[in-house]
Structures are given as C-alpha cells and as structure tokens.
Amino acid sequence: MTKTFRGHDMLSALRQVQQEFGADAIVVSLREVPGGAPWKIWRKPMYEVIAMRNPSASNEAERTHTASFPSQERSRNPLSDINNTHPNSSSPKSEPANPLDILLRISRESSVQSSAGTLIEDEILPGALSKMHHHLKQQGVDETIIQWTLNAARLGLPPEALEDEAKVRFFIQRHLEGGIRTSPPPIEQLQGVLIITGLSGSGKTSLCARLGAYAVRVLQRRVVWLTLDTVRTAALNEARTFADLLGIPLLVAYTPDEFRYHLQTVSSDYDLILVDTPALNPHSEEALLGLASFLSEAPKRKLYLTLPATVKEDDLSHLINALSPFRIQGLVFTKLDETLTLGSLYNLAWKTQIPIAFFMQGRRVLDDLHPAVASRLVKSMLGEVHL
C-alpha cells in the first residue's frame, strides 16, 4: 500500500519516506502541491511524495544489486553514495546508491544550488549528456528536473550508450514524456459546461471560439456561448463577433443568479455550454471570490486554465496555486508561436501533474488548436518539431 508524505522541501519529504519504509522504498510520484488551508490565497507550496515499501527487498537482493555495480563505477558517479554527506556518517558506505538515495541527494544539492552551483557539472558528464544538459538549461527547464532526467539516463543506459547522442536523446525524450500528464477530452466528452479562465490576454476568448468552431463544424454539436466577462466592453464585442461568425447564441450573465438561471434554461437544449470568464488577477482576493461565486453555480462543470507561454513561470505557478481549490481539469498552453523556450510550461506540468488538454497558437480558429500530446511538447522543447 502507498502512503503520502509532505514536507516544506523535497528533501524533508523524502527523509520521511526513508524513515518509514527504509532506503529501498519505492517512490511512486513526486510533485509540488499548494500548502496551507484551501481558503488561504497566498499559500506556500509543499512537496508531496507518494511511496510504498519495497516488497522484494532482501539481503540477497541487496548483495546481487551491489555486485552489479563495480566499485570503480561508483567512484565515477558523484551520486553513488548519499551516505557520504550524512552528518552522522563516520565512513563511506560500501552499498551502491538506490533510487531513493539518489532522489535525496538531488534534493539536498538542489536546495543549495544557488550558492554551490549545479549538482552535476558539465565537465564530468559524458559528451552527449553534457550537450543535453546545456540544451535543457537553455530551454528554461528547472534544474531539479534536469538532474532527475540526467541521473535516470546515467542509471538506465549502459556506459557505451552515454556517448551516443541519438540514444541519449531518445532516452531523455521518453523520460521527459513520462514526467507530465496529457488528457485532451475525447470527442464524446466535449459536452456539458466548459468554463475557461486565465490571466488577461491569455487566450480565453480565442479558446472558446476554437472549441465552439470545432464542436459546431466538425462534431455537429449544439453550442451556446455564455460570457461572464462583462467588465470590458471590448470583451463583449469580441465574444459577440465570434458567436455571430459561428452561428451560435451568446448569453451574458452579470451575477451568479443570472448565471444559474441561464444554465437551467439552456442545459436541456444544448450539448456544449462554453463559459468565458473575466481576466483573473490571482493577487486579488476579491477576484478569486467572484470567480468562486460563479463556479459554485455549476458543480458539474469542467474548468480549463489558459497558460500563455510568454508569461513568467513564477506568475503562472502562483495562478495555479490560487486556483487549486477550484479543481482545474485541464491546462491549455497558449501563444506557443510567440516564444522559443518551452521549459517553463514543462516545469509547471511536471510540478503540478495537472493534465494538459490543448496546445494553442496562431490566429486560425479551426487550425491552431491541437489536442495535447506529451511527445510533441518534449520534441518541440528538444528542437525536433514545432508545435
């Protein structure tokens, strides 16, 4: 059975795992989650680790595992013995590193990397790994994720393969793909109440138009557009223009009561109700409470969050933390054609483990919305394809 551990940093959470299940515990997942009570807006993130006891651990297995790692290989790998850094350790241990020890070492070094540099220096990396390390840093991938990836390659590939750039690239690509979740809605699920929220200029209205166009023209669905964005006159005009082009009705709700009334009125007549919300300021408690008052009227809704690739990662991370009590069903990465680096978006998907639903770029209503596929995001980040 699995058990969940939380700490203010990854190191403290992993130490709890080690104390509970031992050094050979199996780590099922690691992620960053919001800390504190749900009603607190400015909550500091915590690290969550889901782990379980290793049922196959035994002395014989440990001896076999030790025999498979020659002593010279351990001395070559700076991660091979976490016990060397333990304050109560009187001498280096002879056992090789296990996965949990490596994670602990990564966390320890990552917590002080701002003053001590990176965990693995390029000069001690094989050439292919060093090249990938440099490329991922240029893309803005978090250093913890880079180390997680490089160490997986060092442990998962034979020594001769570490000099083969094609094999290293393929391994890292697949490893990065496995670190994020994608969940585009199946055709049969593109129905019900779909609410779009996000920052100002993040592409909320454009996403509504694209989803509406696909539902009407491809799926032959009955669609209604319901806008809550009544603050800006331009927003109403834009929504009305799109609705007229698509030939779908546009409804406006100024209050939660009007929103509830519209939902009750149209729910039986339309397959898909697209709800466009006002631009959200995650630093404003009033704005968050306003959104919550509307969301409470649609308990069976699906909530999608638009995340533009051109906004700073810290701001997007704060937005996700502020919205976590509202159960975000999917992320939509927008403005992908306006940036050359995708590391920040990957970091958010890796840390939050919220599924990515769509990729969006360009201005073509029918052609520039794509179901999210992990391999396309990673390949684009590695410079192999364009999203």
Protein backbone atom coordinates (compact mmCIF):
# COMPACT_ATOMS: atom_id res chain seq x y z
CA MET A 1 0.00 0.00 0.00
CA THR A 2 1.13 3.51 -0.74
CA LYS A 3 1.46 6.35 1.72
CA THR A 4 1.66 10.09 1.16
CA PHE A 5 4.37 12.24 2.74
CA ARG A 6 4.62 16.03 2.66
CA GLY A 7 7.38 18.46 3.53
CA HIS A 8 8.32 22.08 3.00
CA ASP A 9 11.04 20.88 0.64
CA MET A 10 11.59 17.66 -1.28
CA LEU A 11 14.44 16.61 0.98
CA SER A 12 12.32 16.59 4.14
CA ALA A 13 9.53 14.65 2.40
CA LEU A 14 11.96 12.03 1.09
CA ARG A 15 13.55 11.67 4.51
CA GLN A 16 10.12 10.82 5.92
CA VAL A 17 9.83 8.11 3.26
CA GLN A 18 13.23 6.74 4.21
CA GLN A 19 12.37 6.70 7.91
CA GLU A 20 9.04 4.99 7.30
CA PHE A 21 9.90 2.43 4.62
CA GLY A 22 13.68 2.28 4.58
CA ALA A 23 16.23 3.25 1.96
CA ASP A 24 14.90 0.77 -0.60
CA ALA A 25 11.38 2.25 -0.64
CA ILE A 26 9.62 2.60 -3.97
CA VAL A 27 8.78 6.22 -4.84
CA VAL A 28 5.58 6.29 -6.88
CA SER A 29 5.39 10.03 -7.56
CA LEU A 30 6.86 13.39 -6.57
CA ARG A 31 5.20 16.74 -7.12
CA GLU A 32 4.80 20.25 -5.78
CA VAL A 33 1.40 20.96 -4.21
CA PRO A 34 -0.16 24.02 -2.56
CA GLY A 35 0.38 24.20 1.19
CA GLY A 36 -1.84 25.57 3.91
CA ALA A 37 -5.60 25.73 4.17
CA PRO A 38 -7.63 25.86 0.90
CA TRP A 39 -9.10 29.26 1.68
CA LYS A 40 -5.69 30.89 2.01
CA ILE A 41 -4.83 32.53 -1.29
CA TRP A 42 -1.11 33.15 -0.84
CA ARG A 43 -0.08 29.68 0.21
CA LYS A 44 3.49 28.49 0.00
CA PRO A 45 3.94 25.29 -1.99
CA MET A 46 4.87 22.00 -0.35
CA TYR A 47 6.39 18.84 -1.77
CA GLU A 48 4.34 15.67 -1.84
CA VAL A 49 5.85 12.20 -2.22
CA ILE A 50 3.78 9.03 -2.64
CA ALA A 51 5.80 5.95 -1.74
CA MET A 52 5.48 2.31 -0.71
CA ARG A 53 7.58 -0.33 0.95
CA ASN A 54 9.64 -2.45 -1.42
CA PRO A 55 8.10 -5.95 -1.12
CA SER A 56 11.04 -7.68 -2.79
CA ALA A 57 13.78 -6.18 -0.66
CA SER A 58 16.06 -8.80 0.91
CA ASN A 59 19.68 -9.26 1.84
CA GLU A 60 20.21 -11.49 -1.15
CA ALA A 61 18.72 -8.92 -3.49
CA GLU A 62 20.94 -6.28 -1.94
CA ARG A 63 24.04 -8.42 -2.46
CA THR A 64 23.06 -9.06 -6.07
CA HIS A 65 22.41 -5.36 -6.60
CA THR A 66 25.77 -4.49 -5.08
CA ALA A 67 27.58 -6.97 -7.29
CA SER A 68 26.10 -5.35 -10.39
CA PHE A 69 27.79 -2.00 -9.62
CA PRO A 70 31.59 -2.23 -9.68
CA SER A 71 33.45 -0.06 -7.22
CA GLN A 72 35.08 1.95 -9.98
CA GLU A 73 31.66 2.81 -11.40
CA ARG A 74 30.53 4.10 -8.02
CA SER A 75 33.56 6.32 -7.70
CA ARG A 76 32.86 7.72 -11.17
CA ASN A 77 29.29 8.68 -10.27
CA PRO A 78 29.14 11.54 -7.72
CA LEU A 79 25.60 10.44 -6.81
CA SER A 80 26.51 6.90 -5.94
CA ASP A 81 26.80 7.33 -2.17
CA ILE A 82 24.47 9.71 -0.39
CA ASN A 83 25.71 8.49 2.97
CA ASN A 84 28.95 10.39 2.46
CA THR A 85 27.03 13.59 3.06
CA HIS A 86 25.22 12.41 6.19
CA PRO A 87 26.42 14.25 9.31
CA ASN A 88 26.47 11.03 11.39
CA SER A 89 28.39 9.03 8.82
CA SER A 90 31.85 8.07 10.08
CA SER A 91 32.98 6.37 6.88
CA PRO A 92 31.70 5.87 3.35
CA LYS A 93 29.24 3.02 2.93
CA SER A 94 30.04 0.19 0.59
CA GLU A 95 26.47 -0.20 -0.70
CA PRO A 96 25.65 1.43 -4.04
CA ALA A 97 23.06 4.13 -4.31
CA ASN A 98 19.44 3.10 -4.64
CA PRO A 99 16.78 5.27 -6.35
CA LEU A 100 15.60 6.85 -3.10
CA ASP A 101 19.15 7.78 -2.12
CA ILE A 102 19.65 9.43 -5.49
CA LEU A 103 16.44 11.43 -5.09
CA LEU A 104 17.54 12.52 -1.63
CA ARG A 105 20.92 13.62 -2.95
CA ILE A 106 19.29 15.53 -5.81
CA SER A 107 17.03 17.32 -3.36
CA ARG A 108 19.88 18.12 -0.98
CA GLU A 109 22.03 19.63 -3.71
CA SER A 110 19.13 21.40 -5.43
CA SER A 111 18.25 23.22 -2.22
CA VAL A 112 21.65 24.92 -2.16
CA GLN A 113 22.43 25.09 -5.86
CA SER A 114 22.03 28.87 -5.92
CA SER A 115 25.22 29.19 -3.86
CA ALA A 116 27.04 25.97 -4.67
CA GLY A 117 26.33 25.57 -8.38
CA THR A 118 24.63 22.69 -10.14
CA LEU A 119 24.58 19.11 -8.92
CA ILE A 120 26.34 17.66 -11.93
CA GLU A 121 28.98 19.75 -13.62
CA ASP A 122 29.28 19.52 -17.40
CA GLU A 123 32.96 18.62 -17.22
CA ILE A 124 32.22 15.27 -15.53
CA LEU A 125 29.33 14.38 -17.84
CA PRO A 126 29.73 12.27 -20.97
CA GLY A 127 29.59 14.40 -24.09
CA ALA A 128 26.04 13.51 -25.13
CA LEU A 129 24.66 14.10 -21.64
CA SER A 130 26.55 17.38 -21.35
CA LYS A 131 25.02 18.57 -24.61
CA MET A 132 21.51 17.67 -23.43
CA HIS A 133 22.16 19.35 -20.07
CA HIS A 134 23.10 22.57 -21.85
CA HIS A 135 20.10 22.42 -24.18
CA LEU A 136 17.58 21.84 -21.38
CA LYS A 137 19.05 24.73 -19.39
CA GLN A 138 18.68 26.99 -22.42
CA GLN A 139 15.03 25.95 -22.68
CA GLY A 140 14.47 27.03 -19.07
CA VAL A 141 13.84 23.57 -17.65
CA ASP A 142 14.08 23.51 -13.86
CA GLU A 143 17.45 22.28 -12.60
CA THR A 144 15.81 19.66 -10.39
CA ILE A 145 14.05 18.19 -13.43
CA ILE A 146 17.28 18.25 -15.42
CA GLN A 147 19.13 16.34 -12.70
CA TRP A 148 16.24 13.88 -12.37
CA THR A 149 16.48 13.28 -16.11
CA LEU A 150 20.26 13.06 -16.40
CA ASN A 151 20.55 10.67 -13.48
CA ALA A 152 17.86 8.45 -14.96
CA ALA A 153 19.96 8.31 -18.14
CA ARG A 154 23.13 7.51 -16.21
CA LEU A 155 21.41 4.69 -14.37
CA GLY A 156 19.28 3.43 -17.24
CA LEU A 157 21.77 3.39 -20.10
CA PRO A 158 24.92 1.25 -20.41
CA PRO A 159 28.20 3.21 -20.27
CA GLU A 160 28.84 2.93 -24.01
CA ALA A 161 25.40 4.35 -24.82
CA LEU A 162 26.11 7.51 -22.82
CA GLU A 163 28.40 8.67 -25.63
CA ASP A 164 25.76 8.01 -28.31
CA GLU A 165 23.85 11.25 -28.83
CA ALA A 166 20.91 9.59 -30.60
CA LYS A 167 20.40 7.03 -27.83
CA VAL A 168 20.74 9.63 -25.09
CA ARG A 169 18.30 11.96 -26.82
CA PHE A 170 15.76 9.16 -27.31
CA PHE A 171 16.04 8.05 -23.67
CA ILE A 172 15.71 11.59 -22.30
CA GLN A 173 12.80 12.33 -24.62
CA ARG A 174 10.87 9.31 -23.37
CA HIS A 175 11.80 10.05 -19.76
CA LEU A 176 10.55 13.63 -20.02
CA GLU A 177 7.35 12.46 -21.69
CA GLY A 178 6.67 10.21 -18.71
CA GLY A 179 7.04 13.12 -16.30
CA ILE A 180 3.91 15.00 -17.42
CA ARG A 181 0.26 14.17 -17.98
CA THR A 182 -1.81 14.95 -21.05
CA SER A 183 -5.54 14.42 -21.22
CA PRO A 184 -7.30 16.01 -24.20
CA PRO A 185 -11.05 15.48 -23.87
CA PRO A 186 -12.37 12.66 -26.07
CA ILE A 187 -14.94 13.69 -28.65
CA GLU A 188 -17.78 12.26 -26.61
CA GLN A 189 -16.70 14.33 -23.58
CA LEU A 190 -16.71 17.69 -25.38
CA GLN A 191 -20.08 18.48 -23.88
CA GLY A 192 -21.68 19.87 -20.75
CA VAL A 193 -20.49 23.07 -19.06
CA LEU A 194 -16.94 24.02 -20.00
CA ILE A 195 -15.55 27.07 -18.16
CA ILE A 196 -12.40 28.85 -19.36
CA THR A 197 -10.36 31.04 -17.02
CA GLY A 198 -6.93 32.64 -17.04
CA LEU A 199 -4.93 35.85 -16.93
CA SER A 200 -5.69 38.92 -19.02
CA GLY A 201 -4.69 38.33 -22.63
CA SER A 202 -4.06 34.61 -22.09
CA GLY A 203 -6.37 33.49 -24.90
CA LYS A 204 -9.59 32.63 -23.04
CA THR A 205 -11.95 34.07 -25.64
CA SER A 206 -9.89 32.65 -28.51
CA LEU A 207 -10.04 29.22 -26.91
CA CYS A 208 -13.84 29.48 -26.59
CA ALA A 209 -14.04 30.38 -30.28
CA ARG A 210 -11.84 27.45 -31.32
CA LEU A 211 -13.72 24.94 -29.18
CA GLY A 212 -17.02 26.32 -30.44
CA ALA A 213 -15.92 26.12 -34.06
CA TYR A 214 -14.75 22.52 -33.67
CA ALA A 215 -17.91 21.45 -31.84
CA VAL A 216 -20.23 23.10 -34.37
CA ARG A 217 -18.48 22.44 -37.67
CA VAL A 218 -16.81 19.10 -37.02
CA LEU A 219 -18.91 17.41 -34.33
CA GLN A 220 -22.22 18.96 -35.35
CA ARG A 221 -22.95 19.84 -31.73
CA ARG A 222 -25.49 22.34 -30.44
CA VAL A 223 -23.37 25.02 -28.76
CA VAL A 224 -24.18 28.15 -26.75
CA TRP A 225 -21.68 30.79 -25.63
CA LEU A 226 -22.21 32.23 -22.14
CA THR A 227 -19.91 35.09 -21.18
CA LEU A 228 -19.23 36.36 -17.68
CA ASP A 229 -16.69 38.91 -18.95
CA THR A 230 -18.86 41.99 -18.55
CA VAL A 231 -16.20 44.39 -17.27
CA ARG A 232 -14.62 45.26 -20.60
CA THR A 233 -16.82 46.48 -23.45
CA ALA A 234 -14.30 45.14 -25.95
CA ALA A 235 -14.67 41.66 -24.47
CA LEU A 236 -18.42 41.61 -25.11
CA ASN A 237 -17.93 42.85 -28.66
CA GLU A 238 -15.29 40.22 -29.33
CA ALA A 239 -17.48 37.41 -27.96
CA ARG A 240 -20.46 38.65 -29.99
CA THR A 241 -18.36 38.75 -33.17
CA PHE A 242 -17.16 35.17 -32.71
CA ALA A 243 -20.64 33.92 -31.80
CA ASP A 244 -22.14 35.54 -34.90
CA LEU A 245 -19.46 34.03 -37.15
CA LEU A 246 -20.10 30.58 -35.69
CA GLY A 247 -23.85 30.99 -35.78
CA ILE A 248 -24.33 30.24 -32.10
CA PRO A 249 -26.30 32.22 -29.49
CA LEU A 250 -24.50 34.46 -27.00
CA LEU A 251 -25.77 34.87 -23.45
CA VAL A 252 -24.49 37.35 -20.86
CA ALA A 253 -24.54 36.87 -17.07
CA TYR A 254 -23.71 39.76 -14.76
CA THR A 255 -24.38 37.95 -11.47
CA PRO A 256 -24.20 34.37 -10.17
CA ASP A 257 -28.01 34.31 -10.07
CA GLU A 258 -28.20 35.17 -13.77
CA PHE A 259 -25.56 32.55 -14.47
CA ARG A 260 -27.58 29.90 -12.64
CA TYR A 261 -30.74 30.95 -14.50
CA HIS A 262 -29.05 30.66 -17.91
CA LEU A 263 -27.62 27.25 -17.06
CA GLN A 264 -31.02 25.95 -16.01
CA THR A 265 -32.64 27.40 -19.12
CA VAL A 266 -30.26 26.11 -21.80
CA SER A 267 -28.90 22.90 -20.31
CA SER A 268 -31.54 20.73 -21.98
CA ASP A 269 -31.32 22.45 -25.38
CA TYR A 270 -27.57 22.49 -25.99
CA ASP A 271 -24.83 19.85 -25.94
CA LEU A 272 -22.00 22.22 -25.03
CA ILE A 273 -22.12 25.40 -22.93
CA LEU A 274 -18.92 27.43 -23.32
CA VAL A 275 -18.36 29.87 -20.45
CA ASP A 276 -15.89 32.74 -20.90
CA THR A 277 -14.80 34.39 -17.64
CA PRO A 278 -13.27 37.80 -16.84
CA ALA A 279 -9.49 38.16 -16.73
CA LEU A 280 -8.31 36.79 -13.40
CA ASN A 281 -5.88 38.52 -11.06
CA PRO A 282 -4.57 35.82 -8.68
CA HIS A 283 -3.31 38.52 -6.30
CA SER A 284 -6.84 39.84 -5.79
CA GLU A 285 -8.91 38.03 -3.19
CA GLU A 286 -12.00 39.82 -4.47
CA ALA A 287 -11.43 38.46 -8.00
CA LEU A 288 -10.97 34.91 -6.72
CA LEU A 289 -14.07 35.10 -4.55
CA GLY A 290 -16.00 36.47 -7.52
CA LEU A 291 -14.92 33.53 -9.68
CA ALA A 292 -15.77 31.12 -6.87
CA SER A 293 -19.31 32.53 -6.61
CA PHE A 294 -19.92 31.75 -10.29
CA LEU A 295 -18.25 28.32 -10.17
CA SER A 296 -20.41 27.29 -7.24
CA GLU A 297 -23.46 27.55 -9.53
CA ALA A 298 -22.03 24.90 -11.87
CA PRO A 299 -20.85 21.97 -9.73
CA LYS A 300 -20.60 19.61 -12.74
CA ARG A 301 -18.52 21.97 -14.83
CA LYS A 302 -15.12 21.31 -16.37
CA LEU A 303 -12.61 24.07 -15.61
CA TYR A 304 -9.78 24.76 -18.07
CA LEU A 305 -6.95 27.18 -17.33
CA THR A 306 -5.16 29.01 -20.15
CA LEU A 307 -1.42 29.46 -19.61
CA PRO A 308 0.41 31.70 -22.13
CA ALA A 309 3.96 30.68 -22.96
CA THR A 310 5.04 34.33 -22.81
CA VAL A 311 4.33 34.89 -19.09
CA LYS A 312 6.89 34.29 -16.32
CA GLU A 313 6.82 30.86 -14.74
CA ASP A 314 6.52 32.22 -11.20
CA ASP A 315 3.38 34.16 -12.12
CA LEU A 316 1.80 31.13 -13.76
CA SER A 317 2.72 28.95 -10.79
CA HIS A 318 1.10 31.43 -8.41
CA LEU A 319 -2.03 31.43 -10.58
CA ILE A 320 -2.28 27.63 -10.43
CA ASN A 321 -1.80 27.62 -6.66
CA ALA A 322 -4.52 30.26 -6.23
CA LEU A 323 -6.96 28.22 -8.34
CA SER A 324 -6.18 24.81 -6.84
CA PRO A 325 -9.32 24.75 -4.62
CA PHE A 326 -11.45 25.02 -7.78
CA ARG A 327 -10.35 21.66 -9.24
CA ILE A 328 -8.70 22.50 -12.55
CA GLN A 329 -9.49 19.71 -15.03
CA GLY A 330 -7.02 20.73 -17.70
CA LEU A 331 -4.32 23.18 -18.75
CA VAL A 332 -4.27 24.87 -22.15
CA PHE A 333 -0.87 26.14 -23.30
CA THR A 334 -1.40 29.23 -25.47
CA LYS A 335 0.74 31.61 -27.56
CA LEU A 336 3.19 28.82 -28.32
CA ASP A 337 4.18 30.56 -31.55
CA GLU A 338 5.42 33.61 -29.63
CA THR A 339 8.30 32.01 -27.74
CA LEU A 340 11.43 29.98 -28.40
CA THR A 341 11.60 28.35 -24.96
CA LEU A 342 9.06 25.90 -23.52
CA GLY A 343 10.84 24.87 -20.32
CA SER A 344 8.63 26.96 -18.04
CA LEU A 345 5.46 25.26 -19.31
CA TYR A 346 7.02 21.84 -18.91
CA ASN A 347 8.09 22.74 -15.36
CA LEU A 348 4.51 23.64 -14.42
CA ALA A 349 3.09 20.45 -15.90
CA TRP A 350 5.77 18.37 -14.14
CA LYS A 351 5.33 20.02 -10.74
CA THR A 352 1.53 20.21 -10.66
CA GLN A 353 0.71 16.99 -12.55
CA ILE A 354 -2.43 18.68 -13.88
CA PRO A 355 -3.21 17.17 -17.30
CA ILE A 356 -2.55 19.30 -20.37
CA ALA A 357 -5.65 19.38 -22.58
CA PHE A 358 -4.73 21.52 -25.60
CA PHE A 359 -1.92 23.38 -27.35
CA MET A 360 -2.93 26.67 -28.99
CA GLN A 361 -1.04 29.08 -31.21
CA GLY A 362 -1.64 31.38 -34.16
CA ARG A 363 -4.86 33.09 -35.21
CA ARG A 364 -6.64 30.48 -37.36
CA VAL A 365 -9.78 29.47 -35.50
CA LEU A 366 -10.06 25.96 -36.92
CA ASP A 367 -6.42 25.02 -37.44
CA ASP A 368 -4.49 26.31 -34.44
CA LEU A 369 -5.98 24.24 -31.60
CA HIS A 370 -4.42 20.81 -31.09
CA PRO A 371 -5.08 18.05 -28.55
CA ALA A 372 -2.13 17.88 -26.18
CA VAL A 373 0.40 15.12 -26.84
CA ALA A 374 3.35 14.79 -24.48
CA SER A 375 5.76 13.70 -27.21
CA ARG A 376 5.07 16.83 -29.28
CA LEU A 377 5.77 19.15 -26.36
CA VAL A 378 9.01 17.36 -25.48
CA LYS A 379 10.18 17.09 -29.10
CA SER A 380 9.49 20.77 -29.59
CA MET A 381 11.43 21.57 -26.42
CA LEU A 382 14.32 19.48 -27.78
CA GLY A 383 14.16 21.31 -31.11
CA GLU A 384 12.94 18.37 -33.21
CA VAL A 385 9.48 19.64 -34.19
CA HIS A 386 7.37 22.78 -33.95
CA LEU A 387 4.11 22.73 -32.00
